[in-house]
Amino acid sequence: MSRTSKALYTPLSVAISVAGGLLAGEVFSQIWQRLGDADRPPPDPKDLNRSTRAALLAAGLQGLVFGLVRAAVDRAGARGYHAVTHESPV
């Protein structure tokens, strides 16, 4: 990757990562509403009024969703960058 190419891809990568994080949060919220109690937000791990099972399930699901969405968004951004510049972003 050339210096110019890297300078162009870095801000694009940051913007894509931020968008991916926002998307992952929304996807997780939608999944949690369908799986859990729709009236209550996901449990905070420090909230002792909610079950340990629910707190751990929510944390695991959130990590899974975040990882998958981030990888998909990063991959799409890299493919788009490659399509435009014909250079690998790595």
C-alpha atoms as a PDB file:
ATOM      1  CA  MET A   1       0.000   0.000   0.000  1.00  0.00           C
ATOM      2  CA  SER A   2       1.484   3.322  -1.045  1.00  0.00           C
ATOM      3  CA  ARG A   3       1.770   6.257   1.327  1.00  0.00           C
ATOM      4  CA  THR A   4      -0.928   8.176  -0.559  1.00  0.00           C
ATOM      5  CA  SER A   5      -3.217   5.194  -0.611  1.00  0.00           C
ATOM      6  CA  LYS A   6      -2.758   4.695   3.126  1.00  0.00           C
ATOM      7  CA  ALA A   7      -3.495   8.378   3.762  1.00  0.00           C
ATOM      8  CA  LEU A   8      -6.752   8.035   1.823  1.00  0.00           C
ATOM      9  CA  TYR A   9      -7.829   4.769   3.407  1.00  0.00           C
ATOM     10  CA  THR A  10      -7.214   5.710   7.065  1.00  0.00           C
ATOM     11  CA  PRO A  11     -10.053   8.280   7.415  1.00  0.00           C
ATOM     12  CA  LEU A  12     -12.331   6.035   5.373  1.00  0.00           C
ATOM     13  CA  SER A  13     -11.544   3.137   7.688  1.00  0.00           C
ATOM     14  CA  VAL A  14     -12.320   5.213  10.792  1.00  0.00           C
ATOM     15  CA  ALA A  15     -15.650   6.351   9.357  1.00  0.00           C
ATOM     16  CA  ILE A  16     -16.533   2.789   8.374  1.00  0.00           C
ATOM     17  CA  SER A  17     -15.653   1.527  11.865  1.00  0.00           C
ATOM     18  CA  VAL A  18     -17.847   4.154  13.535  1.00  0.00           C
ATOM     19  CA  ALA A  19     -20.736   3.321  11.216  1.00  0.00           C
ATOM     20  CA  GLY A  20     -20.204  -0.383  11.919  1.00  0.00           C
ATOM     21  CA  GLY A  21     -20.328   0.213  15.673  1.00  0.00           C
ATOM     22  CA  LEU A  22     -23.581   2.142  15.375  1.00  0.00           C
ATOM     23  CA  LEU A  23     -25.049  -0.541  13.134  1.00  0.00           C
ATOM     24  CA  ALA A  24     -23.949  -3.299  15.526  1.00  0.00           C
ATOM     25  CA  GLY A  25     -25.611  -1.510  18.446  1.00  0.00           C
ATOM     26  CA  GLU A  26     -28.863  -1.243  16.538  1.00  0.00           C
ATOM     27  CA  VAL A  27     -28.750  -4.876  15.401  1.00  0.00           C
ATOM     28  CA  PHE A  28     -28.090  -6.008  18.976  1.00  0.00           C
ATOM     29  CA  SER A  29     -31.001  -3.909  20.275  1.00  0.00           C
ATOM     30  CA  GLN A  30     -33.357  -5.447  17.730  1.00  0.00           C
ATOM     31  CA  ILE A  31     -32.227  -8.991  18.537  1.00  0.00           C
ATOM     32  CA  TRP A  32     -32.480  -8.389  22.296  1.00  0.00           C
ATOM     33  CA  GLN A  33     -36.017  -7.014  21.957  1.00  0.00           C
ATOM     34  CA  ARG A  34     -37.042 -10.226  20.199  1.00  0.00           C
ATOM     35  CA  LEU A  35     -35.233 -12.576  22.594  1.00  0.00           C
ATOM     36  CA  GLY A  36     -35.670 -10.820  25.911  1.00  0.00           C
ATOM     37  CA  ASP A  37     -38.295  -8.733  27.598  1.00  0.00           C
ATOM     38  CA  ALA A  38     -39.194  -6.067  25.017  1.00  0.00           C
ATOM     39  CA  ASP A  39     -39.955  -3.515  27.762  1.00  0.00           C
ATOM     40  CA  ARG A  40     -36.562  -3.793  29.455  1.00  0.00           C
ATOM     41  CA  PRO A  41     -33.134  -2.919  28.070  1.00  0.00           C
ATOM     42  CA  PRO A  42     -30.344  -5.511  28.116  1.00  0.00           C
ATOM     43  CA  PRO A  43     -29.095  -6.131  31.650  1.00  0.00           C
ATOM     44  CA  ASP A  44     -26.074  -4.313  32.992  1.00  0.00           C
ATOM     45  CA  PRO A  45     -23.638  -6.925  34.369  1.00  0.00           C
ATOM     46  CA  LYS A  46     -23.485  -4.958  37.662  1.00  0.00           C
ATOM     47  CA  ASP A  47     -27.280  -4.925  38.084  1.00  0.00           C
ATOM     48  CA  LEU A  48     -27.867  -7.611  40.711  1.00  0.00           C
ATOM     49  CA  ASN A  49     -31.640  -7.417  40.236  1.00  0.00           C
ATOM     50  CA  ARG A  50     -31.293  -9.224  36.898  1.00  0.00           C
ATOM     51  CA  SER A  51     -30.192 -12.836  36.626  1.00  0.00           C
ATOM     52  CA  THR A  52     -26.582 -13.790  35.983  1.00  0.00           C
ATOM     53  CA  ARG A  53     -27.754 -15.917  33.074  1.00  0.00           C
ATOM     54  CA  ALA A  54     -29.432 -12.936  31.403  1.00  0.00           C
ATOM     55  CA  ALA A  55     -26.419 -10.680  31.962  1.00  0.00           C
ATOM     56  CA  LEU A  56     -23.989 -13.223  30.512  1.00  0.00           C
ATOM     57  CA  LEU A  57     -26.273 -14.076  27.609  1.00  0.00           C
ATOM     58  CA  ALA A  58     -26.643 -10.385  26.736  1.00  0.00           C
ATOM     59  CA  ALA A  59     -22.875  -9.798  26.933  1.00  0.00           C
ATOM     60  CA  GLY A  60     -22.099 -12.837  24.785  1.00  0.00           C
ATOM     61  CA  LEU A  61     -24.720 -11.932  22.217  1.00  0.00           C
ATOM     62  CA  GLN A  62     -23.521  -8.337  22.109  1.00  0.00           C
ATOM     63  CA  GLY A  63     -19.929  -9.482  21.515  1.00  0.00           C
ATOM     64  CA  LEU A  64     -21.005 -11.893  18.795  1.00  0.00           C
ATOM     65  CA  VAL A  65     -23.119  -9.303  16.994  1.00  0.00           C
ATOM     66  CA  PHE A  66     -20.438  -6.623  17.297  1.00  0.00           C
ATOM     67  CA  GLY A  67     -17.733  -8.933  15.934  1.00  0.00           C
ATOM     68  CA  LEU A  68     -19.827 -10.123  13.005  1.00  0.00           C
ATOM     69  CA  VAL A  69     -21.087  -6.682  12.018  1.00  0.00           C
ATOM     70  CA  ARG A  70     -17.644  -5.125  12.362  1.00  0.00           C
ATOM     71  CA  ALA A  71     -16.049  -7.806  10.202  1.00  0.00           C
ATOM     72  CA  ALA A  72     -18.784  -7.479   7.564  1.00  0.00           C
ATOM     73  CA  VAL A  73     -18.541  -3.684   7.463  1.00  0.00           C
ATOM     74  CA  ASP A  74     -14.717  -3.707   7.381  1.00  0.00           C
ATOM     75  CA  ARG A  75     -14.774  -6.305   4.617  1.00  0.00           C
ATOM     76  CA  ALA A  76     -17.282  -4.297   2.571  1.00  0.00           C
ATOM     77  CA  GLY A  77     -15.192  -1.143   3.037  1.00  0.00           C
ATOM     78  CA  ALA A  78     -12.026  -2.919   1.932  1.00  0.00           C
ATOM     79  CA  ARG A  79     -13.770  -4.359  -1.122  1.00  0.00           C
ATOM     80  CA  GLY A  80     -15.188  -0.957  -2.029  1.00  0.00           C
ATOM     81  CA  TYR A  81     -11.789   0.682  -1.635  1.00  0.00           C
ATOM     82  CA  HIS A  82     -10.216  -2.019  -3.800  1.00  0.00           C
ATOM     83  CA  ALA A  83     -12.891  -1.573  -6.469  1.00  0.00           C
ATOM     84  CA  VAL A  84     -12.198   2.154  -6.683  1.00  0.00           C
ATOM     85  CA  THR A  85      -8.388   2.224  -6.361  1.00  0.00           C
ATOM     86  CA  HIS A  86      -7.419  -1.293  -7.503  1.00  0.00           C
ATOM     87  CA  GLU A  87      -5.115  -1.486  -4.460  1.00  0.00           C
ATOM     88  CA  SER A  88      -5.410  -3.693  -1.406  1.00  0.00           C
ATOM     89  CA  PRO A  89      -6.049  -1.710   1.766  1.00  0.00           C
ATOM     90  CA  VAL A  90      -3.727  -3.984   3.729  1.00  0.00           C
END
